[in-house]
């Protein structure tokens, strides 16, 4: 496996390259190709000792009900629109919205439209 380029000689995309120093995901959005109605799809795109990255695809109206995490986390919205509730306060997330959450923060996500959200969790 090559570590310095994410395009092989035939110019097709390699989905992921990894070595001990980095992981490159050429097109994380392509990890979820379809979101069936009334579902939430998730794909773990990276799992390391101190970090986990998961791509979520929400069909319109789907919800992650209120919960907490023991880890610090970042939500990054890539597509769609969702209502995010953080410790009782609501905000609308659209493409480009990034939210950092401390451990134990109560939060929920409700997709208003088809939504792609990248979740990064930190800590052991």
C-alpha atoms as a PDB file:
ATOM      1  CA  UNK A   1       0.000   0.000   0.000  1.00  0.00           C
ATOM      2  CA  UNK A   2       1.250   3.502  -0.851  1.00  0.00           C
ATOM      3  CA  UNK A   3       1.228   6.201   1.806  1.00  0.00           C
ATOM      4  CA  UNK A   4       2.028   9.385  -0.077  1.00  0.00           C
ATOM      5  CA  UNK A   5      -0.804   9.531  -2.594  1.00  0.00           C
ATOM      6  CA  UNK A   6      -4.498   8.775  -2.519  1.00  0.00           C
ATOM      7  CA  UNK A   7      -4.726   8.227  -6.294  1.00  0.00           C
ATOM      8  CA  UNK A   8      -3.286   5.031  -7.764  1.00  0.00           C
ATOM      9  CA  UNK A   9      -1.698   4.966 -11.231  1.00  0.00           C
ATOM     10  CA  UNK A  10      -5.055   4.256 -12.911  1.00  0.00           C
ATOM     11  CA  UNK A  11      -6.489   7.503 -11.332  1.00  0.00           C
ATOM     12  CA  UNK A  12      -9.360   5.721  -9.579  1.00  0.00           C
ATOM     13  CA  UNK A  13      -9.984   6.709  -5.968  1.00  0.00           C
ATOM     14  CA  UNK A  14      -8.829   4.499  -3.159  1.00  0.00           C
ATOM     15  CA  UNK A  15     -11.443   4.895  -0.421  1.00  0.00           C
ATOM     16  CA  UNK A  16      -9.015   4.872   2.512  1.00  0.00           C
ATOM     17  CA  UNK A  17      -5.272   4.918   3.025  1.00  0.00           C
ATOM     18  CA  UNK A  18      -3.749   4.391   6.421  1.00  0.00           C
ATOM     19  CA  UNK A  19      -0.351   4.090   8.036  1.00  0.00           C
ATOM     20  CA  UNK A  20       0.764   4.594  11.645  1.00  0.00           C
ATOM     21  CA  UNK A  21       0.964   8.383  11.152  1.00  0.00           C
ATOM     22  CA  UNK A  22      -2.253   9.198   9.281  1.00  0.00           C
ATOM     23  CA  UNK A  23      -5.473   7.986   7.763  1.00  0.00           C
ATOM     24  CA  UNK A  24      -6.788   9.551   4.570  1.00  0.00           C
ATOM     25  CA  UNK A  25     -10.408   9.046   3.524  1.00  0.00           C
ATOM     26  CA  UNK A  26     -10.692  10.268  -0.059  1.00  0.00           C
ATOM     27  CA  UNK A  27     -14.478  10.832  -0.009  1.00  0.00           C
ATOM     28  CA  UNK A  28     -16.167  10.291   3.342  1.00  0.00           C
ATOM     29  CA  UNK A  29     -19.582  11.269   1.922  1.00  0.00           C
ATOM     30  CA  UNK A  30     -19.406   8.325  -0.503  1.00  0.00           C
ATOM     31  CA  UNK A  31     -19.253   5.971   2.497  1.00  0.00           C
ATOM     32  CA  UNK A  32     -23.059   6.142   2.652  1.00  0.00           C
ATOM     33  CA  UNK A  33     -24.529   5.631  -0.809  1.00  0.00           C
ATOM     34  CA  UNK A  34     -28.226   5.505   0.138  1.00  0.00           C
ATOM     35  CA  UNK A  35     -30.417   6.352   3.116  1.00  0.00           C
ATOM     36  CA  UNK A  36     -33.636   4.319   3.016  1.00  0.00           C
ATOM     37  CA  UNK A  37     -36.820   6.038   4.252  1.00  0.00           C
ATOM     38  CA  UNK A  38     -37.410   5.944   8.014  1.00  0.00           C
ATOM     39  CA  UNK A  39     -33.833   4.908   8.848  1.00  0.00           C
ATOM     40  CA  UNK A  40     -30.563   6.116  10.272  1.00  0.00           C
ATOM     41  CA  UNK A  41     -27.480   4.616   8.621  1.00  0.00           C
ATOM     42  CA  UNK A  42     -24.081   4.732  10.298  1.00  0.00           C
ATOM     43  CA  UNK A  43     -20.591   3.796   9.122  1.00  0.00           C
ATOM     44  CA  UNK A  44     -17.510   3.813  11.322  1.00  0.00           C
ATOM     45  CA  UNK A  45     -14.901   5.347   9.034  1.00  0.00           C
ATOM     46  CA  UNK A  46     -12.054   5.397  11.565  1.00  0.00           C
ATOM     47  CA  UNK A  47     -11.470   3.542  14.833  1.00  0.00           C
ATOM     48  CA  UNK A  48      -8.293   4.253  16.763  1.00  0.00           C
ATOM     49  CA  UNK A  49      -7.052   4.062  20.329  1.00  0.00           C
ATOM     50  CA  UNK A  50      -8.145   7.590  21.257  1.00  0.00           C
ATOM     51  CA  UNK A  51     -10.520   8.598  18.469  1.00  0.00           C
ATOM     52  CA  UNK A  52     -13.549   7.221  16.623  1.00  0.00           C
ATOM     53  CA  UNK A  53     -15.140   8.812  13.531  1.00  0.00           C
ATOM     54  CA  UNK A  54     -18.637   7.775  12.452  1.00  0.00           C
ATOM     55  CA  UNK A  55     -20.655   9.030   9.479  1.00  0.00           C
ATOM     56  CA  UNK A  56     -24.409   9.140  10.086  1.00  0.00           C
ATOM     57  CA  UNK A  57     -27.056   9.373   7.372  1.00  0.00           C
ATOM     58  CA  UNK A  58     -30.526  10.372   8.568  1.00  0.00           C
ATOM     59  CA  UNK A  59     -33.708  10.049   6.528  1.00  0.00           C
ATOM     60  CA  UNK A  60     -36.016  13.066   7.014  1.00  0.00           C
ATOM     61  CA  UNK A  61     -37.741  12.963  10.403  1.00  0.00           C
ATOM     62  CA  UNK A  62     -35.319  10.477  11.959  1.00  0.00           C
ATOM     63  CA  UNK A  63     -33.955  11.223  15.415  1.00  0.00           C
ATOM     64  CA  UNK A  64     -31.200  10.362  17.835  1.00  0.00           C
ATOM     65  CA  UNK A  65     -33.146  10.850  21.050  1.00  0.00           C
ATOM     66  CA  UNK A  66     -31.642  12.703  23.995  1.00  0.00           C
ATOM     67  CA  UNK A  67     -28.564  10.988  25.384  1.00  0.00           C
ATOM     68  CA  UNK A  68     -25.095  11.701  26.773  1.00  0.00           C
ATOM     69  CA  UNK A  69     -21.602  10.442  26.039  1.00  0.00           C
ATOM     70  CA  UNK A  70     -18.675   9.796  28.347  1.00  0.00           C
ATOM     71  CA  UNK A  71     -16.365  11.281  25.705  1.00  0.00           C
ATOM     72  CA  UNK A  72     -15.760  14.726  24.241  1.00  0.00           C
ATOM     73  CA  UNK A  73     -17.290  14.819  20.758  1.00  0.00           C
ATOM     74  CA  UNK A  74     -17.620  16.967  17.641  1.00  0.00           C
ATOM     75  CA  UNK A  75     -20.588  16.968  15.252  1.00  0.00           C
ATOM     76  CA  UNK A  76     -19.890  18.204  11.718  1.00  0.00           C
ATOM     77  CA  UNK A  77     -22.883  18.523   9.407  1.00  0.00           C
ATOM     78  CA  UNK A  78     -22.065  17.792   5.763  1.00  0.00           C
ATOM     79  CA  UNK A  79     -25.496  17.799   4.101  1.00  0.00           C
ATOM     80  CA  UNK A  80     -29.102  18.599   4.981  1.00  0.00           C
ATOM     81  CA  UNK A  81     -30.714  20.350   7.913  1.00  0.00           C
ATOM     82  CA  UNK A  82     -31.232  19.095  11.460  1.00  0.00           C
ATOM     83  CA  UNK A  83     -32.481  20.418  14.764  1.00  0.00           C
ATOM     84  CA  UNK A  84     -29.860  19.828  17.446  1.00  0.00           C
ATOM     85  CA  UNK A  85     -30.731  20.198  21.112  1.00  0.00           C
ATOM     86  CA  UNK A  86     -27.777  20.855  23.423  1.00  0.00           C
ATOM     87  CA  UNK A  87     -28.518  20.868  27.158  1.00  0.00           C
ATOM     88  CA  UNK A  88     -32.092  22.005  26.435  1.00  0.00           C
ATOM     89  CA  UNK A  89     -31.191  24.684  23.859  1.00  0.00           C
ATOM     90  CA  UNK A  90     -32.152  24.146  20.218  1.00  0.00           C
ATOM     91  CA  UNK A  91     -30.184  25.178  17.157  1.00  0.00           C
ATOM     92  CA  UNK A  92     -30.499  24.460  13.438  1.00  0.00           C
ATOM     93  CA  UNK A  93     -27.509  22.707  11.880  1.00  0.00           C
ATOM     94  CA  UNK A  94     -26.856  23.086   8.145  1.00  0.00           C
ATOM     95  CA  UNK A  95     -23.877  22.113   5.947  1.00  0.00           C
ATOM     96  CA  UNK A  96     -20.723  23.443   7.570  1.00  0.00           C
ATOM     97  CA  UNK A  97     -22.099  23.582  11.124  1.00  0.00           C
ATOM     98  CA  UNK A  98     -19.612  22.218  13.679  1.00  0.00           C
ATOM     99  CA  UNK A  99     -20.574  21.577  17.313  1.00  0.00           C
ATOM    100  CA  UNK A 100     -18.116  20.567  20.067  1.00  0.00           C
ATOM    101  CA  UNK A 101     -19.681  18.828  23.045  1.00  0.00           C
ATOM    102  CA  UNK A 102     -18.195  18.221  26.486  1.00  0.00           C
ATOM    103  CA  UNK A 103     -18.610  14.788  28.073  1.00  0.00           C
ATOM    104  CA  UNK A 104     -21.991  14.225  29.783  1.00  0.00           C
ATOM    105  CA  UNK A 105     -23.767  16.952  27.762  1.00  0.00           C
ATOM    106  CA  UNK A 106     -27.396  16.005  27.059  1.00  0.00           C
ATOM    107  CA  UNK A 107     -28.032  16.253  23.327  1.00  0.00           C
ATOM    108  CA  UNK A 108     -30.311  15.047  20.534  1.00  0.00           C
ATOM    109  CA  UNK A 109     -30.497  15.343  16.739  1.00  0.00           C
ATOM    110  CA  UNK A 110     -33.643  15.422  14.571  1.00  0.00           C
ATOM    111  CA  UNK A 111     -33.216  15.469  10.776  1.00  0.00           C
ATOM    112  CA  UNK A 112     -35.508  17.919   8.997  1.00  0.00           C
ATOM    113  CA  UNK A 113     -34.220  16.797   5.588  1.00  0.00           C
ATOM    114  CA  UNK A 114     -31.925  13.973   4.482  1.00  0.00           C
ATOM    115  CA  UNK A 115     -28.839  14.711   6.578  1.00  0.00           C
ATOM    116  CA  UNK A 116     -25.218  13.563   6.687  1.00  0.00           C
ATOM    117  CA  UNK A 117     -23.382  14.166   9.957  1.00  0.00           C
ATOM    118  CA  UNK A 118     -19.837  13.241  10.900  1.00  0.00           C
ATOM    119  CA  UNK A 119     -19.350  12.392  14.584  1.00  0.00           C
ATOM    120  CA  UNK A 120     -15.840  12.412  16.055  1.00  0.00           C
ATOM    121  CA  UNK A 121     -15.402  11.094  19.604  1.00  0.00           C
ATOM    122  CA  UNK A 122     -12.187  11.607  21.574  1.00  0.00           C
ATOM    123  CA  UNK A 123     -10.729   9.706  24.514  1.00  0.00           C
ATOM    124  CA  UNK A 124     -10.098   6.134  25.598  1.00  0.00           C
END
